N, C-alpha and C. Protein backbone atom coordinates (compact mmCIF):
# COMPACT_ATOMS: atom_id res chain seq x y z
N MET A 1 239.61 -185.84 -5.81
CA MET A 1 241.02 -186.00 -6.39
C MET A 1 241.97 -186.60 -5.34
N GLU A 2 242.71 -187.51 -5.74
CA GLU A 2 243.59 -188.28 -4.90
C GLU A 2 244.86 -187.39 -4.60
N LYS A 3 245.19 -187.34 -3.39
CA LYS A 3 246.51 -186.63 -3.05
C LYS A 3 247.69 -187.42 -3.40
N LYS A 4 248.66 -186.77 -3.93
CA LYS A 4 249.90 -187.38 -4.37
C LYS A 4 250.99 -187.35 -3.30
N LYS A 5 251.48 -188.55 -3.06
CA LYS A 5 252.47 -188.60 -1.97
C LYS A 5 253.83 -188.09 -2.40
N PRO A 6 254.59 -187.30 -1.70
CA PRO A 6 255.81 -186.75 -2.16
C PRO A 6 256.79 -187.96 -2.43
N SER A 7 257.56 -187.72 -3.52
CA SER A 7 258.49 -188.78 -3.98
C SER A 7 259.65 -188.81 -3.12
N GLN A 8 259.96 -187.71 -2.35
CA GLN A 8 261.23 -187.67 -1.52
C GLN A 8 260.90 -186.91 -0.19
N THR A 9 261.31 -187.30 0.86
CA THR A 9 261.13 -186.54 2.06
C THR A 9 262.40 -185.91 2.40
N LEU A 10 262.30 -184.59 2.85
CA LEU A 10 263.41 -183.80 3.14
C LEU A 10 263.08 -183.08 4.52
N HIS A 11 264.07 -183.08 5.42
CA HIS A 11 263.95 -182.51 6.72
C HIS A 11 264.97 -181.59 6.96
N LEU A 12 264.76 -180.35 7.30
CA LEU A 12 265.75 -179.24 7.58
C LEU A 12 265.84 -179.17 9.08
N VAL A 13 267.05 -179.25 9.62
CA VAL A 13 267.34 -178.99 10.99
C VAL A 13 268.11 -177.63 11.14
N MET A 14 267.48 -176.81 11.96
CA MET A 14 268.01 -175.36 12.11
C MET A 14 267.77 -174.98 13.47
N GLY A 15 268.57 -173.93 13.85
CA GLY A 15 268.37 -173.42 15.27
C GLY A 15 268.99 -172.07 15.23
N GLY A 16 268.58 -171.42 16.43
CA GLY A 16 269.13 -170.02 16.70
C GLY A 16 268.51 -169.51 17.97
N ARG A 17 268.99 -168.28 18.27
CA ARG A 17 268.41 -167.55 19.47
C ARG A 17 267.02 -167.17 19.26
N VAL A 18 266.03 -167.42 20.15
CA VAL A 18 264.77 -166.95 20.10
C VAL A 18 264.43 -165.90 21.12
N SER A 19 263.52 -165.06 20.87
CA SER A 19 263.15 -163.97 21.83
C SER A 19 262.49 -164.48 23.05
N ASP A 20 261.78 -165.60 22.94
CA ASP A 20 261.07 -166.24 24.03
C ASP A 20 261.15 -167.75 23.82
N PRO A 21 261.63 -168.56 24.73
CA PRO A 21 261.74 -170.02 24.56
C PRO A 21 260.52 -170.74 24.12
N ARG A 22 259.38 -170.07 24.43
CA ARG A 22 258.11 -170.73 24.12
C ARG A 22 257.61 -170.40 22.73
N SER A 23 258.48 -169.50 22.06
CA SER A 23 258.04 -169.11 20.70
C SER A 23 258.87 -169.60 19.57
N MET A 24 258.62 -169.33 18.39
CA MET A 24 259.45 -169.62 17.26
C MET A 24 259.96 -168.32 16.56
N ASP A 25 259.98 -167.27 17.43
CA ASP A 25 260.43 -165.88 16.82
C ASP A 25 261.94 -165.76 17.02
N PHE A 26 262.75 -166.10 15.91
CA PHE A 26 264.15 -166.03 16.02
C PHE A 26 264.64 -164.54 16.01
N GLN A 27 265.58 -164.30 17.04
CA GLN A 27 265.89 -162.76 17.14
C GLN A 27 266.70 -162.31 15.86
N ASP A 28 267.61 -163.12 15.31
CA ASP A 28 268.35 -162.69 14.11
C ASP A 28 268.23 -163.75 13.15
N PRO A 29 267.18 -163.78 12.29
CA PRO A 29 266.99 -164.87 11.21
C PRO A 29 268.27 -165.04 10.32
N GLU A 30 269.01 -164.07 10.09
CA GLU A 30 270.19 -164.19 9.11
C GLU A 30 271.32 -164.90 9.81
N SER A 31 271.25 -165.14 11.10
CA SER A 31 272.31 -165.90 11.73
C SER A 31 271.92 -167.31 12.27
N ILE A 32 270.71 -167.68 11.73
CA ILE A 32 270.22 -169.10 12.02
C ILE A 32 271.35 -170.13 11.59
N HIS A 33 271.52 -170.98 12.56
CA HIS A 33 272.46 -172.15 12.16
C HIS A 33 271.68 -173.24 11.37
N VAL A 34 272.16 -173.62 10.24
CA VAL A 34 271.51 -174.74 9.50
C VAL A 34 272.41 -175.92 9.73
N ALA A 35 271.81 -176.93 10.41
CA ALA A 35 272.59 -178.02 10.79
C ALA A 35 272.55 -178.96 9.65
N GLY A 36 271.62 -179.01 8.68
CA GLY A 36 271.64 -179.72 7.51
C GLY A 36 270.25 -180.08 7.02
N VAL A 37 270.16 -180.70 5.91
CA VAL A 37 268.92 -181.32 5.28
C VAL A 37 269.16 -182.80 5.20
N PHE A 38 268.12 -183.59 5.65
CA PHE A 38 268.30 -184.96 5.82
C PHE A 38 267.03 -185.63 5.01
N SER A 39 267.34 -186.77 4.43
CA SER A 39 266.27 -187.41 3.76
C SER A 39 265.43 -188.39 4.54
N ASP A 40 265.72 -188.52 5.87
CA ASP A 40 264.84 -189.34 6.55
C ASP A 40 264.84 -188.79 8.07
N TYR A 41 263.63 -188.94 8.58
CA TYR A 41 263.31 -188.26 9.92
C TYR A 41 264.32 -188.75 11.08
N ASP A 42 264.67 -190.05 11.00
CA ASP A 42 265.58 -190.43 12.10
C ASP A 42 266.87 -189.77 12.10
N ASN A 43 267.49 -189.53 10.99
CA ASN A 43 268.78 -188.69 10.95
C ASN A 43 268.49 -187.27 11.26
N ALA A 44 267.42 -186.80 10.87
CA ALA A 44 267.08 -185.32 11.34
C ALA A 44 266.93 -185.20 12.84
N VAL A 45 266.28 -186.21 13.39
CA VAL A 45 266.20 -186.24 14.84
C VAL A 45 267.53 -186.27 15.58
N GLU A 46 268.44 -187.09 15.00
CA GLU A 46 269.76 -187.37 15.54
C GLU A 46 270.54 -186.00 15.52
N ALA A 47 270.42 -185.25 14.41
CA ALA A 47 271.16 -184.03 14.22
C ALA A 47 270.41 -182.92 15.19
N TRP A 48 269.14 -182.93 15.26
CA TRP A 48 268.51 -182.00 16.11
C TRP A 48 268.84 -182.30 17.64
N ARG A 49 268.87 -183.50 18.01
CA ARG A 49 269.17 -183.85 19.38
C ARG A 49 270.60 -183.40 19.77
N GLY A 50 271.62 -183.74 18.77
CA GLY A 50 272.95 -183.30 19.15
C GLY A 50 273.14 -181.83 19.29
N ASN A 51 272.46 -181.06 18.40
CA ASN A 51 272.60 -179.53 18.47
C ASN A 51 271.86 -179.10 19.75
N ALA A 52 270.69 -179.61 19.98
CA ALA A 52 269.87 -179.12 21.14
C ALA A 52 270.66 -179.44 22.39
N GLN A 53 271.17 -180.66 22.49
CA GLN A 53 271.98 -180.98 23.69
C GLN A 53 273.24 -180.16 23.98
N ARG A 54 273.75 -179.70 22.85
CA ARG A 54 275.14 -178.96 22.98
C ARG A 54 274.77 -177.58 23.40
N THR A 55 273.49 -177.15 23.18
CA THR A 55 273.14 -175.75 23.57
C THR A 55 272.02 -175.77 24.78
N VAL A 56 272.02 -176.98 25.50
CA VAL A 56 270.94 -177.11 26.50
C VAL A 56 271.05 -176.01 27.68
N ASP A 57 272.20 -175.58 27.87
CA ASP A 57 272.37 -174.57 29.06
C ASP A 57 271.95 -173.12 28.63
N ASP A 58 271.56 -172.91 27.33
CA ASP A 58 271.18 -171.65 26.87
C ASP A 58 269.76 -171.62 26.59
N ALA A 59 268.89 -171.12 27.50
CA ALA A 59 267.36 -171.23 27.30
C ALA A 59 266.94 -170.49 26.16
N GLU A 60 267.70 -169.58 25.49
CA GLU A 60 267.31 -168.88 24.38
C GLU A 60 267.64 -169.47 23.00
N MET A 61 268.34 -170.56 23.12
CA MET A 61 268.66 -171.35 21.86
C MET A 61 267.70 -172.41 21.58
N LYS A 62 267.18 -172.49 20.33
CA LYS A 62 266.24 -173.45 20.01
C LYS A 62 266.49 -174.10 18.71
N TYR A 63 266.47 -175.39 18.50
CA TYR A 63 266.68 -176.07 17.34
C TYR A 63 265.30 -176.82 16.91
N VAL A 64 264.97 -176.80 15.62
CA VAL A 64 263.74 -177.33 15.17
C VAL A 64 264.03 -178.23 14.04
N ILE A 65 263.11 -179.15 13.73
CA ILE A 65 262.96 -179.91 12.44
C ILE A 65 261.90 -179.48 11.54
N VAL A 66 262.13 -178.91 10.32
CA VAL A 66 261.18 -178.41 9.46
C VAL A 66 260.93 -179.50 8.33
N PRO A 67 259.74 -180.03 8.13
CA PRO A 67 259.36 -180.97 7.02
C PRO A 67 259.40 -180.23 5.69
N LEU A 68 260.47 -180.21 5.11
CA LEU A 68 260.52 -179.46 3.87
C LEU A 68 259.61 -180.06 2.71
N HIS A 69 259.56 -181.32 2.75
CA HIS A 69 258.75 -182.02 1.67
C HIS A 69 257.33 -181.55 1.75
N GLU A 70 256.83 -181.27 2.98
CA GLU A 70 255.47 -180.72 3.13
C GLU A 70 255.27 -179.37 2.63
N LEU A 71 256.31 -178.60 2.70
CA LEU A 71 256.32 -177.20 2.21
C LEU A 71 256.42 -177.17 0.70
N LEU A 72 257.14 -178.14 0.11
CA LEU A 72 257.47 -178.17 -1.21
C LEU A 72 256.26 -178.63 -2.11
N THR A 73 255.57 -179.66 -1.56
CA THR A 73 254.33 -180.21 -2.09
C THR A 73 253.13 -180.08 -1.16
N PRO A 74 252.70 -178.99 -0.98
CA PRO A 74 251.61 -178.69 -0.03
C PRO A 74 250.23 -179.53 -0.46
N GLU A 75 250.05 -179.92 -1.65
CA GLU A 75 248.87 -180.57 -2.05
C GLU A 75 248.95 -182.06 -1.73
N ALA A 76 250.12 -182.48 -1.35
CA ALA A 76 250.30 -183.99 -1.02
C ALA A 76 249.76 -184.35 0.29
């Protein structure tokens, strides 16, 4: 069966305080900062970079890009 390509790409940029900078375990998931949802990867990277650079002096702050389109259509 042929895999169907998602019709739209969506990227979530979010960040927050982690218990260990090498992990993705957020200390307080309810206080995660959502920088936004972006329809292309380049804009998501720009938002991620801006937030990550703003918090660069805080080793426990981590921002990530989540490919929402892959979660919404896992069969693609």
